[in-house]
Amino acid sequence: NLERIVTEPLAVLGDKTPSDMRLMTQNVLDAVGLRRTDLGKYPHEFSG
């Protein structure tokens, strides 16, 4: 899903807590114009 895709680089680095990663994900979604409510959606549910 969207949350796992976006947080994967942070998970690989392994220096952030789950709550920190979720907050950073929400902030970066705001920056690129995506909704926080989309975190549970999968790629096929989005346009190109």
All heavy atoms as atom14 arrays in JSON, in Angstrom:
{
  "sequence": "NLERIVTEPLAVLGDKTPSDMRLMTQNVLDAVGLRRTDLGKYPHEFSG",
  "atom14_mask": [
    [1, 1, 1, 1, 1, 1, 1, 1, 0, 0, 0, 0, 0, 0],
    [1, 1, 1, 1, 1, 1, 1, 1, 0, 0, 0, 0, 0, 0],
    [1, 1, 1, 1, 1, 1, 1, 1, 1, 0, 0, 0, 0, 0],
    [1, 1, 1, 1, 1, 1, 1, 1, 1, 1, 1, 0, 0, 0],
    [1, 1, 1, 1, 1, 1, 1, 1, 0, 0, 0, 0, 0, 0],
    [1, 1, 1, 1, 1, 1, 1, 0, 0, 0, 0, 0, 0, 0],
    [1, 1, 1, 1, 1, 1, 1, 0, 0, 0, 0, 0, 0, 0],
    [1, 1, 1, 1, 1, 1, 1, 1, 1, 0, 0, 0, 0, 0],
    [1, 1, 1, 1, 1, 1, 1, 0, 0, 0, 0, 0, 0, 0],
    [1, 1, 1, 1, 1, 1, 1, 1, 0, 0, 0, 0, 0, 0],
    [1, 1, 1, 1, 1, 0, 0, 0, 0, 0, 0, 0, 0, 0],
    [1, 1, 1, 1, 1, 1, 1, 0, 0, 0, 0, 0, 0, 0],
    [1, 1, 1, 1, 1, 1, 1, 1, 0, 0, 0, 0, 0, 0],
    [1, 1, 1, 1, 0, 0, 0, 0, 0, 0, 0, 0, 0, 0],
    [1, 1, 1, 1, 1, 1, 1, 1, 0, 0, 0, 0, 0, 0],
    [1, 1, 1, 1, 1, 1, 1, 1, 1, 0, 0, 0, 0, 0],
    [1, 1, 1, 1, 1, 1, 1, 0, 0, 0, 0, 0, 0, 0],
    [1, 1, 1, 1, 1, 1, 1, 0, 0, 0, 0, 0, 0, 0],
    [1, 1, 1, 1, 1, 1, 0, 0, 0, 0, 0, 0, 0, 0],
    [1, 1, 1, 1, 1, 1, 1, 1, 0, 0, 0, 0, 0, 0],
    [1, 1, 1, 1, 1, 1, 1, 1, 0, 0, 0, 0, 0, 0],
    [1, 1, 1, 1, 1, 1, 1, 1, 1, 1, 1, 0, 0, 0],
    [1, 1, 1, 1, 1, 1, 1, 1, 0, 0, 0, 0, 0, 0],
    [1, 1, 1, 1, 1, 1, 1, 1, 0, 0, 0, 0, 0, 0],
    [1, 1, 1, 1, 1, 1, 1, 0, 0, 0, 0, 0, 0, 0],
    [1, 1, 1, 1, 1, 1, 1, 1, 1, 0, 0, 0, 0, 0],
    [1, 1, 1, 1, 1, 1, 1, 1, 0, 0, 0, 0, 0, 0],
    [1, 1, 1, 1, 1, 1, 1, 0, 0, 0, 0, 0, 0, 0],
    [1, 1, 1, 1, 1, 1, 1, 1, 0, 0, 0, 0, 0, 0],
    [1, 1, 1, 1, 1, 1, 1, 1, 0, 0, 0, 0, 0, 0],
    [1, 1, 1, 1, 1, 0, 0, 0, 0, 0, 0, 0, 0, 0],
    [1, 1, 1, 1, 1, 1, 1, 0, 0, 0, 0, 0, 0, 0],
    [1, 1, 1, 1, 0, 0, 0, 0, 0, 0, 0, 0, 0, 0],
    [1, 1, 1, 1, 1, 1, 1, 1, 0, 0, 0, 0, 0, 0],
    [1, 1, 1, 1, 1, 1, 1, 1, 1, 1, 1, 0, 0, 0],
    [1, 1, 1, 1, 1, 1, 1, 1, 1, 1, 1, 0, 0, 0],
    [1, 1, 1, 1, 1, 1, 1, 0, 0, 0, 0, 0, 0, 0],
    [1, 1, 1, 1, 1, 1, 1, 1, 0, 0, 0, 0, 0, 0],
    [1, 1, 1, 1, 1, 1, 1, 1, 0, 0, 0, 0, 0, 0],
    [1, 1, 1, 1, 0, 0, 0, 0, 0, 0, 0, 0, 0, 0],
    [1, 1, 1, 1, 1, 1, 1, 1, 1, 0, 0, 0, 0, 0],
    [1, 1, 1, 1, 1, 1, 1, 1, 1, 1, 1, 1, 0, 0],
    [1, 1, 1, 1, 1, 1, 1, 0, 0, 0, 0, 0, 0, 0],
    [1, 1, 1, 1, 1, 1, 1, 1, 1, 1, 0, 0, 0, 0],
    [1, 1, 1, 1, 1, 1, 1, 1, 1, 0, 0, 0, 0, 0],
    [1, 1, 1, 1, 1, 1, 1, 1, 1, 1, 1, 0, 0, 0],
    [1, 1, 1, 1, 1, 1, 0, 0, 0, 0, 0, 0, 0, 0],
    [1, 1, 1, 1, 0, 0, 0, 0, 0, 0, 0, 0, 0, 0]
  ],
  "atom14_positions": [
    [[0.84, -1.2, 0.0], [0.0, 0.0, 0.0], [0.88, 1.25, 0.0], [2.11, 1.18, 0.09], [-0.97, -0.01, 1.19], [-0.26, -0.01, 2.54], [0.88, 0.41, 2.67], [-0.96, -0.49, 3.56], [0.0, 0.0, 0.0], [0.0, 0.0, 0.0], [0.0, 0.0, 0.0], [0.0, 0.0, 0.0], [0.0, 0.0, 0.0], [0.0, 0.0, 0.0]],
    [[0.21, 2.39, -0.11], [0.92, 3.66, -0.24], [1.86, 3.91, 0.93], [3.01, 4.34, 0.74], [-0.1, 4.8, -0.37], [0.44, 6.23, -0.34], [1.44, 6.45, -1.45], [-0.72, 7.22, -0.46], [0.0, 0.0, 0.0], [0.0, 0.0, 0.0], [0.0, 0.0, 0.0], [0.0, 0.0, 0.0], [0.0, 0.0, 0.0], [0.0, 0.0, 0.0]],
    [[1.4, 3.64, 2.14], [2.23, 3.93, 3.31], [3.51, 3.12, 3.29], [4.6, 3.64, 3.54], [1.45, 3.64, 4.59], [2.24, 3.96, 5.85], [1.4, 3.84, 7.11], [0.3, 3.24, 7.05], [1.84, 4.35, 8.16], [0.0, 0.0, 0.0], [0.0, 0.0, 0.0], [0.0, 0.0, 0.0], [0.0, 0.0, 0.0], [0.0, 0.0, 0.0]],
    [[3.42, 1.83, 2.94], [4.62, 1.0, 2.94], [5.57, 1.42, 1.82], [6.79, 1.4, 2.0], [4.24, -0.47, 2.79], [5.44, -1.39, 2.8], [5.08, -2.85, 2.89], [6.27, -3.68, 2.85], [6.25, -5.01, 2.89], [5.09, -5.65, 3.0], [7.37, -5.69, 2.82], [0.0, 0.0, 0.0], [0.0, 0.0, 0.0], [0.0, 0.0, 0.0]],
    [[5.02, 1.78, 0.65], [5.86, 2.19, -0.47], [6.67, 3.43, -0.12], [7.89, 3.5, -0.35], [4.99, 2.45, -1.72], [4.45, 1.13, -2.28], [5.78, 3.19, -2.8], [3.42, 1.31, -3.38], [0.0, 0.0, 0.0], [0.0, 0.0, 0.0], [0.0, 0.0, 0.0], [0.0, 0.0, 0.0], [0.0, 0.0, 0.0], [0.0, 0.0, 0.0]],
    [[6.0, 4.43, 0.46], [6.67, 5.7, 0.73], [7.66, 5.58, 1.88], [8.72, 6.21, 1.88], [5.63, 6.8, 0.99], [6.3, 8.11, 1.4], [4.78, 7.03, -0.25], [0.0, 0.0, 0.0], [0.0, 0.0, 0.0], [0.0, 0.0, 0.0], [0.0, 0.0, 0.0], [0.0, 0.0, 0.0], [0.0, 0.0, 0.0], [0.0, 0.0, 0.0]],
    [[7.33, 4.77, 2.88], [8.2, 4.67, 4.06], [9.33, 3.66, 3.88], [10.21, 3.58, 4.75], [7.39, 4.26, 5.31], [6.73, 3.0, 5.05], [6.37, 5.31, 5.66], [0.0, 0.0, 0.0], [0.0, 0.0, 0.0], [0.0, 0.0, 0.0], [0.0, 0.0, 0.0], [0.0, 0.0, 0.0], [0.0, 0.0, 0.0], [0.0, 0.0, 0.0]],
    [[9.35, 2.93, 2.77], [10.36, 1.89, 2.59], [11.79, 2.41, 2.72], [12.62, 1.77, 3.38], [10.16, 1.2, 1.24], [11.11, 0.03, 1.03], [10.79, -0.72, -0.25], [9.99, -0.22, -1.05], [11.37, -1.81, -0.45], [0.0, 0.0, 0.0], [0.0, 0.0, 0.0], [0.0, 0.0, 0.0], [0.0, 0.0, 0.0], [0.0, 0.0, 0.0]],
    [[12.16, 3.56, 2.12], [13.54, 4.05, 2.31], [13.88, 4.31, 3.77], [15.01, 4.05, 4.21], [13.57, 5.35, 1.49], [12.5, 5.18, 0.47], [11.42, 4.41, 1.16], [0.0, 0.0, 0.0], [0.0, 0.0, 0.0], [0.0, 0.0, 0.0], [0.0, 0.0, 0.0], [0.0, 0.0, 0.0], [0.0, 0.0, 0.0], [0.0, 0.0, 0.0]],
    [[12.93, 4.81, 4.56], [13.18, 5.03, 5.99], [13.34, 3.71, 6.72], [14.18, 3.59, 7.62], [12.03, 5.84, 6.6], [11.88, 7.29, 6.15], [10.65, 7.91, 6.81], [13.13, 8.1, 6.46], [0.0, 0.0, 0.0], [0.0, 0.0, 0.0], [0.0, 0.0, 0.0], [0.0, 0.0, 0.0], [0.0, 0.0, 0.0], [0.0, 0.0, 0.0]],
    [[12.52, 2.74, 6.33], [12.61, 1.43, 6.98], [13.96, 0.78, 6.72], [14.54, 0.12, 7.6], [11.48, 0.53, 6.49], [0.0, 0.0, 0.0], [0.0, 0.0, 0.0], [0.0, 0.0, 0.0], [0.0, 0.0, 0.0], [0.0, 0.0, 0.0], [0.0, 0.0, 0.0], [0.0, 0.0, 0.0], [0.0, 0.0, 0.0], [0.0, 0.0, 0.0]],
    [[14.5, 0.96, 5.51], [15.81, 0.39, 5.18], [16.9, 1.05, 6.0], [17.83, 0.4, 6.49], [16.08, 0.55, 3.67], [17.53, 0.17, 3.35], [15.12, -0.3, 2.86], [0.0, 0.0, 0.0], [0.0, 0.0, 0.0], [0.0, 0.0, 0.0], [0.0, 0.0, 0.0], [0.0, 0.0, 0.0], [0.0, 0.0, 0.0], [0.0, 0.0, 0.0]],
    [[16.8, 2.37, 6.18], [17.8, 3.07, 6.99], [17.72, 2.66, 8.46], [18.72, 2.59, 9.16], [17.61, 4.59, 6.87], [17.95, 5.18, 5.5], [17.55, 6.65, 5.45], [19.43, 5.03, 5.19], [0.0, 0.0, 0.0], [0.0, 0.0, 0.0], [0.0, 0.0, 0.0], [0.0, 0.0, 0.0], [0.0, 0.0, 0.0], [0.0, 0.0, 0.0]],
    [[16.49, 2.4, 8.95], [16.31, 1.84, 10.28], [16.62, 2.77, 11.42], [16.93, 2.29, 12.52], [0.0, 0.0, 0.0], [0.0, 0.0, 0.0], [0.0, 0.0, 0.0], [0.0, 0.0, 0.0], [0.0, 0.0, 0.0], [0.0, 0.0, 0.0], [0.0, 0.0, 0.0], [0.0, 0.0, 0.0], [0.0, 0.0, 0.0], [0.0, 0.0, 0.0]],
    [[16.52, 4.08, 11.22], [16.85, 4.99, 12.32], [15.65, 5.82, 12.76], [15.82, 6.84, 13.45], [18.01, 5.91, 11.93], [17.71, 6.74, 10.69], [16.65, 6.53, 10.08], [18.55, 7.59, 10.33], [0.0, 0.0, 0.0], [0.0, 0.0, 0.0], [0.0, 0.0, 0.0], [0.0, 0.0, 0.0], [0.0, 0.0, 0.0], [0.0, 0.0, 0.0]],
    [[14.42, 5.42, 12.38], [13.22, 6.15, 12.76], [12.23, 5.19, 13.42], [12.14, 4.02, 13.07], [12.57, 6.81, 11.55], [13.44, 7.79, 10.79], [13.74, 9.04, 11.62], [14.57, 10.02, 10.8], [14.93, 11.22, 11.6], [0.0, 0.0, 0.0], [0.0, 0.0, 0.0], [0.0, 0.0, 0.0], [0.0, 0.0, 0.0], [0.0, 0.0, 0.0]],
    [[11.48, 5.73, 14.38], [10.43, 4.94, 15.0], [9.21, 4.88, 14.08], [9.06, 5.75, 13.19], [10.02, 5.55, 16.35], [9.42, 6.84, 16.12], [11.23, 5.7, 17.27], [0.0, 0.0, 0.0], [0.0, 0.0, 0.0], [0.0, 0.0, 0.0], [0.0, 0.0, 0.0], [0.0, 0.0, 0.0], [0.0, 0.0, 0.0], [0.0, 0.0, 0.0]],
    [[8.31, 3.91, 14.25], [7.11, 3.85, 13.41], [6.29, 5.13, 13.45], [5.76, 5.56, 12.42], [6.35, 2.67, 13.99], [7.4, 1.78, 14.56], [8.44, 2.71, 15.1], [0.0, 0.0, 0.0], [0.0, 0.0, 0.0], [0.0, 0.0, 0.0], [0.0, 0.0, 0.0], [0.0, 0.0, 0.0], [0.0, 0.0, 0.0], [0.0, 0.0, 0.0]],
    [[6.18, 5.75, 14.61], [5.39, 6.99, 14.7], [6.08, 8.12, 13.92], [5.41, 8.93, 13.26], [5.19, 7.38, 16.16], [6.44, 7.59, 16.81], [0.0, 0.0, 0.0], [0.0, 0.0, 0.0], [0.0, 0.0, 0.0], [0.0, 0.0, 0.0], [0.0, 0.0, 0.0], [0.0, 0.0, 0.0], [0.0, 0.0, 0.0], [0.0, 0.0, 0.0]],
    [[7.41, 8.19, 14.01], [8.14, 9.21, 13.26], [7.97, 8.99, 11.75], [7.78, 9.95, 10.98], [9.63, 9.19, 13.62], [9.9, 9.74, 15.01], [9.04, 10.49, 15.51], [10.96, 9.42, 15.57], [0.0, 0.0, 0.0], [0.0, 0.0, 0.0], [0.0, 0.0, 0.0], [0.0, 0.0, 0.0], [0.0, 0.0, 0.0], [0.0, 0.0, 0.0]],
    [[8.04, 7.72, 11.32], [7.91, 7.43, 9.89], [6.52, 7.79, 9.39], [6.37, 8.33, 8.28], [8.2, 5.95, 9.62], [9.67, 5.58, 9.76], [10.08, 3.94, 9.08], [9.14, 2.87, 10.19], [0.0, 0.0, 0.0], [0.0, 0.0, 0.0], [0.0, 0.0, 0.0], [0.0, 0.0, 0.0], [0.0, 0.0, 0.0], [0.0, 0.0, 0.0]],
    [[5.51, 7.52, 10.2], [4.14, 7.85, 9.77], [3.96, 9.36, 9.66], [3.34, 9.85, 8.7], [3.12, 7.27, 10.76], [1.68, 7.39, 10.25], [0.72, 6.67, 11.17], [-0.63, 6.69, 10.62], [-1.12, 5.81, 9.76], [-0.34, 4.82, 9.33], [-2.36, 5.91, 9.32], [0.0, 0.0, 0.0], [0.0, 0.0, 0.0], [0.0, 0.0, 0.0]],
    [[4.52, 10.11, 10.61], [4.41, 11.56, 10.55], [5.16, 12.12, 9.34], [4.64, 13.01, 8.64], [4.98, 12.18, 11.84], [4.97, 13.72, 11.91], [3.54, 14.25, 11.77], [5.61, 14.19, 13.21], [0.0, 0.0, 0.0], [0.0, 0.0, 0.0], [0.0, 0.0, 0.0], [0.0, 0.0, 0.0], [0.0, 0.0, 0.0], [0.0, 0.0, 0.0]],
    [[6.35, 11.61, 9.07], [7.11, 12.07, 7.92], [6.4, 11.72, 6.61], [6.42, 12.5, 5.65], [8.51, 11.46, 7.94], [9.39, 11.95, 9.09], [10.99, 11.12, 9.19], [11.78, 11.79, 7.72], [0.0, 0.0, 0.0], [0.0, 0.0, 0.0], [0.0, 0.0, 0.0], [0.0, 0.0, 0.0], [0.0, 0.0, 0.0], [0.0, 0.0, 0.0]],
    [[5.74, 10.57, 6.59], [4.99, 10.17, 5.4], [3.82, 11.11, 5.16], [3.57, 11.54, 4.03], [4.49, 8.72, 5.55], [5.61, 7.85, 5.75], [3.72, 8.28, 4.31], [0.0, 0.0, 0.0], [0.0, 0.0, 0.0], [0.0, 0.0, 0.0], [0.0, 0.0, 0.0], [0.0, 0.0, 0.0], [0.0, 0.0, 0.0], [0.0, 0.0, 0.0]],
    [[3.12, 11.43, 6.22], [1.99, 12.36, 6.08], [2.46, 13.73, 5.57], [1.82, 14.34, 4.71], [1.27, 12.49, 7.42], [0.55, 11.23, 7.86], [0.0, 11.33, 9.27], [0.39, 12.21, 10.04], [-0.91, 10.43, 9.63], [0.0, 0.0, 0.0], [0.0, 0.0, 0.0], [0.0, 0.0, 0.0], [0.0, 0.0, 0.0], [0.0, 0.0, 0.0]],
    [[3.59, 14.2, 6.07], [4.12, 15.5, 5.65], [4.54, 15.49, 4.19], [4.29, 16.46, 3.45], [5.3, 15.9, 6.53], [4.88, 16.23, 7.96], [3.72, 16.59, 8.21], [5.79, 16.1, 8.9], [0.0, 0.0, 0.0], [0.0, 0.0, 0.0], [0.0, 0.0, 0.0], [0.0, 0.0, 0.0], [0.0, 0.0, 0.0], [0.0, 0.0, 0.0]],
    [[5.16, 14.4, 3.76], [5.62, 14.35, 2.37], [4.45, 14.17, 1.42], [4.47, 14.67, 0.29], [6.69, 13.25, 2.19], [6.07, 11.86, 2.08], [7.54, 13.52, 0.96], [0.0, 0.0, 0.0], [0.0, 0.0, 0.0], [0.0, 0.0, 0.0], [0.0, 0.0, 0.0], [0.0, 0.0, 0.0], [0.0, 0.0, 0.0], [0.0, 0.0, 0.0]],
    [[3.38, 13.51, 1.86], [2.18, 13.41, 1.03], [1.54, 14.78, 0.85], [1.07, 15.12, -0.25], [1.17, 12.44, 1.65], [1.53, 10.95, 1.62], [0.4, 10.13, 2.19], [1.87, 10.48, 0.22], [0.0, 0.0, 0.0], [0.0, 0.0, 0.0], [0.0, 0.0, 0.0], [0.0, 0.0, 0.0], [0.0, 0.0, 0.0], [0.0, 0.0, 0.0]],
    [[1.53, 15.57, 1.91], [1.04, 16.94, 1.79], [1.87, 17.72, 0.78], [1.33, 18.5, -0.02], [1.1, 17.65, 3.15], [0.12, 17.06, 4.16], [-0.86, 16.41, 3.72], [0.33, 17.25, 5.37], [0.0, 0.0, 0.0], [0.0, 0.0, 0.0], [0.0, 0.0, 0.0], [0.0, 0.0, 0.0], [0.0, 0.0, 0.0], [0.0, 0.0, 0.0]],
    [[3.18, 17.5, 0.78], [4.08, 18.26, -0.1], [3.84, 17.94, -1.57], [3.98, 18.81, -2.43], [5.54, 17.97, 0.26], [0.0, 0.0, 0.0], [0.0, 0.0, 0.0], [0.0, 0.0, 0.0], [0.0, 0.0, 0.0], [0.0, 0.0, 0.0], [0.0, 0.0, 0.0], [0.0, 0.0, 0.0], [0.0, 0.0, 0.0], [0.0, 0.0, 0.0]],
    [[3.46, 16.69, -1.88], [3.26, 16.3, -3.29], [1.79, 16.32, -3.69], [1.44, 15.91, -4.79], [3.86, 14.91, -3.56], [5.35, 14.89, -3.27], [3.14, 13.82, -2.77], [0.0, 0.0, 0.0], [0.0, 0.0, 0.0], [0.0, 0.0, 0.0], [0.0, 0.0, 0.0], [0.0, 0.0, 0.0], [0.0, 0.0, 0.0], [0.0, 0.0, 0.0]],
    [[0.92, 16.79, -2.8], [-0.48, 16.95, -3.16], [-1.32, 15.69, -3.11], [-2.31, 15.57, -3.84], [0.0, 0.0, 0.0], [0.0, 0.0, 0.0], [0.0, 0.0, 0.0], [0.0, 0.0, 0.0], [0.0, 0.0, 0.0], [0.0, 0.0, 0.0], [0.0, 0.0, 0.0], [0.0, 0.0, 0.0], [0.0, 0.0, 0.0], [0.0, 0.0, 0.0]],
    [[-0.94, 14.73, -2.26], [-1.74, 13.52, -2.05], [-2.4, 13.58, -0.68], [-1.91, 14.25, 0.23], [-0.88, 12.27, -2.17], [-0.3, 11.97, -3.56], [0.69, 10.82, -3.48], [-1.41, 11.66, -4.55], [0.0, 0.0, 0.0], [0.0, 0.0, 0.0], [0.0, 0.0, 0.0], [0.0, 0.0, 0.0], [0.0, 0.0, 0.0], [0.0, 0.0, 0.0]],
    [[-3.52, 12.87, -0.53], [-4.27, 12.92, 0.72], [-3.75, 11.91, 1.73], [-3.36, 10.79, 1.37], [-5.75, 12.65, 0.43], [-6.42, 13.7, -0.46], [-7.85, 13.32, -0.77], [-7.91, 12.05, -1.49], [-9.05, 11.5, -1.92], [-10.2, 12.08, -1.67], [-9.01, 10.35, -2.58], [0.0, 0.0, 0.0], [0.0, 0.0, 0.0], [0.0, 0.0, 0.0]],
    [[-3.77, 12.3, 2.98], [-3.35, 11.38, 4.04], [-4.28, 10.2, 4.16], [-3.87, 9.13, 4.62], [-3.27, 12.13, 5.37], [-2.28, 13.28, 5.4], [-2.17, 13.89, 6.79], [-1.19, 14.98, 6.83], [-0.76, 15.54, 7.94], [-1.23, 15.12, 9.13], [0.13, 16.52, 7.92], [0.0, 0.0, 0.0], [0.0, 0.0, 0.0], [0.0, 0.0, 0.0]],
    [[-5.52, 10.36, 3.74], [-6.48, 9.26, 3.82], [-6.19, 8.18, 2.79], [-6.84, 7.13, 2.8], [-7.9, 9.79, 3.61], [-7.96, 10.53, 2.38], [-8.3, 10.71, 4.76], [0.0, 0.0, 0.0], [0.0, 0.0, 0.0], [0.0, 0.0, 0.0], [0.0, 0.0, 0.0], [0.0, 0.0, 0.0], [0.0, 0.0, 0.0], [0.0, 0.0, 0.0]],
    [[-5.22, 8.41, 1.89], [-4.89, 7.43, 0.85], [-3.83, 6.43, 1.3], [-3.41, 5.58, 0.51], [-4.4, 8.13, -0.42], [-5.49, 8.92, -1.11], [-6.67, 8.58, -0.92], [-5.16, 9.89, -1.83], [0.0, 0.0, 0.0], [0.0, 0.0, 0.0], [0.0, 0.0, 0.0], [0.0, 0.0, 0.0], [0.0, 0.0, 0.0], [0.0, 0.0, 0.0]],
    [[-3.38, 6.53, 2.56], [-2.26, 5.71, 3.01], [-2.51, 4.22, 2.85], [-1.59, 3.44, 2.62], [-1.93, 6.02, 4.47], [-1.19, 7.33, 4.74], [-1.08, 7.59, 6.23], [0.19, 7.29, 4.1], [0.0, 0.0, 0.0], [0.0, 0.0, 0.0], [0.0, 0.0, 0.0], [0.0, 0.0, 0.0], [0.0, 0.0, 0.0], [0.0, 0.0, 0.0]],
    [[-3.76, 3.79, 2.96], [-4.06, 2.37, 2.87], [-4.35, 1.88, 1.47], [-4.58, 0.68, 1.27], [0.0, 0.0, 0.0], [0.0, 0.0, 0.0], [0.0, 0.0, 0.0], [0.0, 0.0, 0.0], [0.0, 0.0, 0.0], [0.0, 0.0, 0.0], [0.0, 0.0, 0.0], [0.0, 0.0, 0.0], [0.0, 0.0, 0.0], [0.0, 0.0, 0.0]],
    [[-4.32, 2.76, 0.49], [-4.64, 2.36, -0.89], [-3.44, 1.73, -1.58], [-2.3, 1.92, -1.19], [-5.12, 3.57, -1.69], [-6.47, 4.12, -1.24], [-6.91, 5.24, -2.15], [-8.3, 5.77, -1.76], [-8.74, 6.88, -2.64], [0.0, 0.0, 0.0], [0.0, 0.0, 0.0], [0.0, 0.0, 0.0], [0.0, 0.0, 0.0], [0.0, 0.0, 0.0]],
    [[-3.73, 1.0, -2.67], [-2.71, 0.3, -3.44], [-2.5, 1.0, -4.79], [-3.36, 1.76, -5.25], [-3.1, -1.16, -3.64], [-3.01, -1.96, -2.36], [-4.03, -1.91, -1.41], [-1.88, -2.72, -2.08], [-3.94, -2.61, -0.21], [-1.79, -3.44, -0.89], [-2.81, -3.38, 0.04], [-2.7, -4.08, 1.22], [0.0, 0.0, 0.0], [0.0, 0.0, 0.0]],
    [[-1.36, 0.76, -5.46], [-1.05, 1.49, -6.69], [-2.13, 1.45, -7.76], [-2.33, 2.44, -8.47], [0.24, 0.81, -7.18], [0.91, 0.36, -5.93], [-0.22, -0.08, -5.03], [0.0, 0.0, 0.0], [0.0, 0.0, 0.0], [0.0, 0.0, 0.0], [0.0, 0.0, 0.0], [0.0, 0.0, 0.0], [0.0, 0.0, 0.0], [0.0, 0.0, 0.0]],
    [[-2.86, 0.33, -7.88], [-3.86, 0.24, -8.95], [-5.05, 1.18, -8.72], [-5.84, 1.4, -9.64], [-4.37, -1.21, -9.08], [-5.24, -1.65, -7.93], [-4.73, -2.23, -6.79], [-6.59, -1.6, -7.76], [-5.72, -2.51, -5.96], [-6.86, -2.14, -6.53], [0.0, 0.0, 0.0], [0.0, 0.0, 0.0], [0.0, 0.0, 0.0], [0.0, 0.0, 0.0]],
    [[-5.13, 1.75, -7.54], [-6.23, 2.67, -7.24], [-5.89, 4.13, -7.58], [-6.7, 5.02, -7.34], [-6.6, 2.57, -5.75], [-7.05, 1.17, -5.33], [-7.39, 1.09, -3.86], [-8.46, 1.6, -3.48], [-6.57, 0.53, -3.09], [0.0, 0.0, 0.0], [0.0, 0.0, 0.0], [0.0, 0.0, 0.0], [0.0, 0.0, 0.0], [0.0, 0.0, 0.0]],
    [[-4.7, 4.35, -8.15], [-4.27, 5.71, -8.49], [-4.07, 5.85, -10.0], [-3.79, 4.87, -10.69], [-2.95, 6.04, -7.78], [-3.05, 6.06, -6.28], [-2.73, 4.92, -5.53], [-3.45, 7.2, -5.61], [-2.8, 4.93, -4.15], [-3.52, 7.21, -4.22], [-3.21, 6.08, -3.5], [0.0, 0.0, 0.0], [0.0, 0.0, 0.0], [0.0, 0.0, 0.0]],
    [[-4.19, 7.08, -10.48], [-3.91, 7.37, -11.89], [-2.41, 7.43, -12.11], [-1.61, 7.4, -11.15], [-4.55, 8.7, -12.28], [-3.92, 9.78, -11.58], [0.0, 0.0, 0.0], [0.0, 0.0, 0.0], [0.0, 0.0, 0.0], [0.0, 0.0, 0.0], [0.0, 0.0, 0.0], [0.0, 0.0, 0.0], [0.0, 0.0, 0.0], [0.0, 0.0, 0.0]],
    [[-2.0, 7.56, -13.39], [-0.58, 7.62, -13.69], [0.1, 8.81, -13.05], [1.21, 8.7, -12.5], [0.0, 0.0, 0.0], [0.0, 0.0, 0.0], [0.0, 0.0, 0.0], [0.0, 0.0, 0.0], [0.0, 0.0, 0.0], [0.0, 0.0, 0.0], [0.0, 0.0, 0.0], [0.0, 0.0, 0.0], [0.0, 0.0, 0.0], [0.0, 0.0, 0.0]]
  ]
}
